C-alpha atoms as a PDB file:
ATOM      1  CA  MET A   1     -23.848 207.267  47.795  1.00  0.00           C
ATOM      2  CA  THR A   2     -27.144 207.879  49.541  1.00  0.00           C
ATOM      3  CA  HIS A   3     -25.462 209.202  52.704  1.00  0.00           C
ATOM      4  CA  LEU A   4     -23.672 212.127  51.012  1.00  0.00           C
ATOM      5  CA  SER A   5     -24.135 215.587  52.406  1.00  0.00           C
ATOM      6  CA  ALA A   6     -25.342 218.503  50.285  1.00  0.00           C
ATOM      7  CA  SER A   7     -21.852 219.953  50.018  1.00  0.00           C
ATOM      8  CA  GLN A   8     -20.468 216.578  48.866  1.00  0.00           C
ATOM      9  CA  LEU A   9     -23.186 216.342  46.195  1.00  0.00           C
ATOM     10  CA  ARG A  10     -22.371 219.859  44.982  1.00  0.00           C
ATOM     11  CA  ARG A  11     -18.674 218.974  44.838  1.00  0.00           C
ATOM     12  CA  ALA A  12     -19.447 215.788  42.870  1.00  0.00           C
ATOM     13  CA  ALA A  13     -21.606 217.759  40.417  1.00  0.00           C
ATOM     14  CA  ASN A  14     -18.804 220.303  39.933  1.00  0.00           C
ATOM     15  CA  ILE A  15     -16.281 217.530  39.288  1.00  0.00           C
ATOM     16  CA  LYS A  16     -18.611 215.867  36.774  1.00  0.00           C
ATOM     17  CA  TYR A  17     -19.128 219.203  34.994  1.00  0.00           C
ATOM     18  CA  THR A  18     -15.356 219.750  34.864  1.00  0.00           C
ATOM     19  CA  ILE A  19     -14.793 216.279  33.441  1.00  0.00           C
ATOM     20  CA  GLU A  20     -17.437 216.839  30.713  1.00  0.00           C
ATOM     21  CA  THR A  21     -15.935 220.219  29.844  1.00  0.00           C
ATOM     22  CA  LEU A  22     -12.458 218.710  29.554  1.00  0.00           C
ATOM     23  CA  GLN A  23     -13.795 215.871  27.379  1.00  0.00           C
ATOM     24  CA  ARG A  24     -15.432 218.374  25.010  1.00  0.00           C
ATOM     25  CA  GLN A  25     -12.211 220.370  24.795  1.00  0.00           C
ATOM     26  CA  LEU A  26     -10.230 217.205  24.094  1.00  0.00           C
ATOM     27  CA  ALA A  27     -12.699 216.157  21.403  1.00  0.00           C
ATOM     28  CA  ARG A  28     -12.401 219.562  19.745  1.00  0.00           C
ATOM     29  CA  LEU A  29      -8.639 219.387  19.918  1.00  0.00           C
ATOM     30  CA  LEU A  30      -8.395 215.873  18.500  1.00  0.00           C
ATOM     31  CA  GLY A  31     -11.151 216.361  15.959  1.00  0.00           C
ATOM     32  CA  GLY A  32     -13.719 214.265  17.754  1.00  0.00           C
ATOM     33  CA  THR A  33     -13.622 210.986  19.642  1.00  0.00           C
ATOM     34  CA  ALA A  34     -15.186 207.673  18.756  1.00  0.00           C
ATOM     35  CA  ALA A  35     -18.194 208.385  20.979  1.00  0.00           C
ATOM     36  CA  ALA A  36     -18.735 211.878  19.579  1.00  0.00           C
ATOM     37  CA  ALA A  37     -18.060 210.915  15.957  1.00  0.00           C
ATOM     38  CA  THR A  38     -20.582 208.080  15.719  1.00  0.00           C
ATOM     39  CA  PRO A  39     -23.421 209.264  13.500  1.00  0.00           C
ATOM     40  CA  LEU A  40     -27.027 208.599  14.345  1.00  0.00           C
ATOM     41  CA  LYS A  41     -28.154 205.233  13.082  1.00  0.00           C
ATOM     42  CA  ARG A  42     -30.652 205.380  10.268  1.00  0.00           C
ATOM     43  CA  ARG A  43     -33.161 202.661   9.805  1.00  0.00           C
ATOM     44  CA  LYS A  44     -32.847 200.768   6.595  1.00  0.00           C
ATOM     45  CA  MET A  45     -35.888 199.421   4.881  1.00  0.00           C
ATOM     46  CA  SER A  46     -35.591 196.255   2.884  1.00  0.00           C
ATOM     47  CA  VAL A  47     -36.378 196.240  -0.814  1.00  0.00           C
ATOM     48  CA  ALA A  48     -39.300 193.893  -0.166  1.00  0.00           C
ATOM     49  CA  ALA A  49     -40.770 196.276   2.400  1.00  0.00           C
ATOM     50  CA  ARG A  50     -40.461 199.213  -0.004  1.00  0.00           C
ATOM     51  CA  ARG A  51     -42.210 197.162  -2.685  1.00  0.00           C
ATOM     52  CA  LYS A  52     -45.055 196.305  -0.307  1.00  0.00           C
ATOM     53  CA  ILE A  53     -45.501 199.953   0.627  1.00  0.00           C
ATOM     54  CA  ALA A  54     -45.460 201.016  -3.033  1.00  0.00           C
ATOM     55  CA  ALA A  55     -48.006 198.325  -3.936  1.00  0.00           C
ATOM     56  CA  ALA A  56     -50.278 199.438  -1.119  1.00  0.00           C
ATOM     57  CA  ALA A  57     -50.005 203.068  -2.264  1.00  0.00           C
ATOM     58  CA  ARG A  58     -50.846 202.065  -5.838  1.00  0.00           C
ATOM     59  CA  ALA A  59     -53.841 200.102  -4.565  1.00  0.00           C
ATOM     60  CA  ARG A  60     -55.059 203.115  -2.589  1.00  0.00           C
ATOM     61  CA  TRP A  61     -54.762 205.364  -5.625  1.00  0.00           C
ATOM     62  CA  ALA A  62     -56.532 202.832  -7.844  1.00  0.00           C
ATOM     63  CA  LYS A  63     -59.335 202.529  -5.307  1.00  0.00           C
ATOM     64  CA  GLN A  64     -59.683 206.291  -5.093  1.00  0.00           C
ATOM     65  CA  ARG A  65     -59.694 206.662  -8.878  1.00  0.00           C
ATOM     66  CA  GLY A  66     -62.209 203.852  -9.227  1.00  0.00           C
ATOM     67  CA  THR A  67     -64.802 205.568  -7.047  1.00  0.00           C
ATOM     68  CA  LYS A  68     -65.081 208.623  -9.281  1.00  0.00           C
ATOM     69  CA  ALA A  69     -67.709 208.817 -11.963  1.00  0.00           C
ATOM     70  CA  PRO A  70     -66.281 207.830 -15.322  1.00  0.00           C
ATOM     71  CA  LYS A  71     -65.543 210.717 -17.637  1.00  0.00           C
ATOM     72  CA  ALA A  72     -67.870 211.212 -20.556  1.00  0.00           C
ATOM     73  CA  ALA A  73     -66.301 210.265 -23.837  1.00  0.00           C
ATOM     74  CA  ALA A  74     -64.816 213.287 -25.520  1.00  0.00           C
ATOM     75  CA  LYS A  75     -66.788 214.425 -28.503  1.00  0.00           C
ATOM     76  CA  PRO A  76     -64.876 214.211 -31.744  1.00  0.00           C
ATOM     77  CA  ARG A  77     -63.754 217.596 -32.987  1.00  0.00           C
ATOM     78  CA  ARG A  78     -65.911 219.048 -35.678  1.00  0.00           C
ATOM     79  CA  LYS A  79     -64.106 219.802 -38.886  1.00  0.00           C
ATOM     80  CA  PHE A  80     -64.627 222.828 -41.079  1.00  0.00           C
ATOM     81  CA  SER A  81     -65.135 222.267 -44.716  1.00  0.00           C
ATOM     82  CA  ALA A  82     -62.603 223.756 -47.103  1.00  0.00           C
ATOM     83  CA  ALA A  83     -65.145 226.388 -48.170  1.00  0.00           C
ATOM     84  CA  ALA A  84     -65.780 227.430 -44.546  1.00  0.00           C
ATOM     85  CA  ARG A  85     -62.020 227.717 -43.851  1.00  0.00           C
ATOM     86  CA  LYS A  86     -61.619 229.855 -46.979  1.00  0.00           C
ATOM     87  CA  ARG A  87     -64.499 232.138 -45.953  1.00  0.00           C
ATOM     88  CA  LEU A  88     -63.071 232.583 -42.406  1.00  0.00           C
ATOM     89  CA  ALA A  89     -59.642 233.388 -43.839  1.00  0.00           C
ATOM     90  CA  GLN A  90     -61.174 236.042 -46.109  1.00  0.00           C
ATOM     91  CA  LEU A  91     -63.044 237.602 -43.165  1.00  0.00           C
ATOM     92  CA  ALA A  92     -59.834 237.663 -41.071  1.00  0.00           C
ATOM     93  CA  LYS A  93     -57.893 239.295 -43.913  1.00  0.00           C
ATOM     94  CA  ALA A  94     -60.626 241.917 -44.272  1.00  0.00           C
ATOM     95  CA  ARG A  95     -60.505 242.664 -40.518  1.00  0.00           C
ATOM     96  CA  TRP A  96     -56.721 243.056 -40.619  1.00  0.00           C
ATOM     97  CA  ALA A  97     -56.863 245.265 -43.709  1.00  0.00           C
ATOM     98  CA  LYS A  98     -59.392 247.520 -41.987  1.00  0.00           C
ATOM     99  CA  ALA A  99     -57.237 247.695 -38.822  1.00  0.00           C
ATOM    100  CA  LYS A 100     -54.071 248.508 -40.792  1.00  0.00           C
ATOM    101  CA  ALA A 101     -55.889 251.179 -42.754  1.00  0.00           C
ATOM    102  CA  ALA A 102     -56.861 252.767 -39.437  1.00  0.00           C
ATOM    103  CA  GLY A 103     -53.186 252.718 -38.356  1.00  0.00           C
ATOM    104  CA  LYS A 104     -53.641 250.055 -35.661  1.00  0.00           C
ATOM    105  CA  LYS A 105     -51.093 247.365 -34.938  1.00  0.00           C
ATOM    106  CA  THR A 106     -53.584 245.175 -33.054  1.00  0.00           C
ATOM    107  CA  LEU A 107     -57.221 244.385 -33.578  1.00  0.00           C
END
C-alpha cells in the first residue's frame, strides 16, 4: 500500500467515497442498518453511586448552612387590645366616610 502512485490513491479515495455513498443510500432505503441504528451508549449510574453523590451534596449544603450566623429569634407579634382595635376601626370608618362624601372611590 505504501508504493501506490498519486493517481492510484485518488482512485482508491473515489472508490471509498462511492462505497460510503451507496451504503448511506441503502440505509435510507432499508430504514437503517444495524451499524447506523445503534444508539449511543449512555452510562448508567448505580443506585449506590447516586446515593453517595446525594449524601455528599447534602453534606456540602449542611456545611454551607452551618457557617452562616444563626438568625435572631423572631420577636413575638405584638397584639392590639380590643379597645385599640375598636379605635382603629372607628378611625378607618371615618376616613372612608370622608372619602365617600368627597366622591372618591379610593383613599
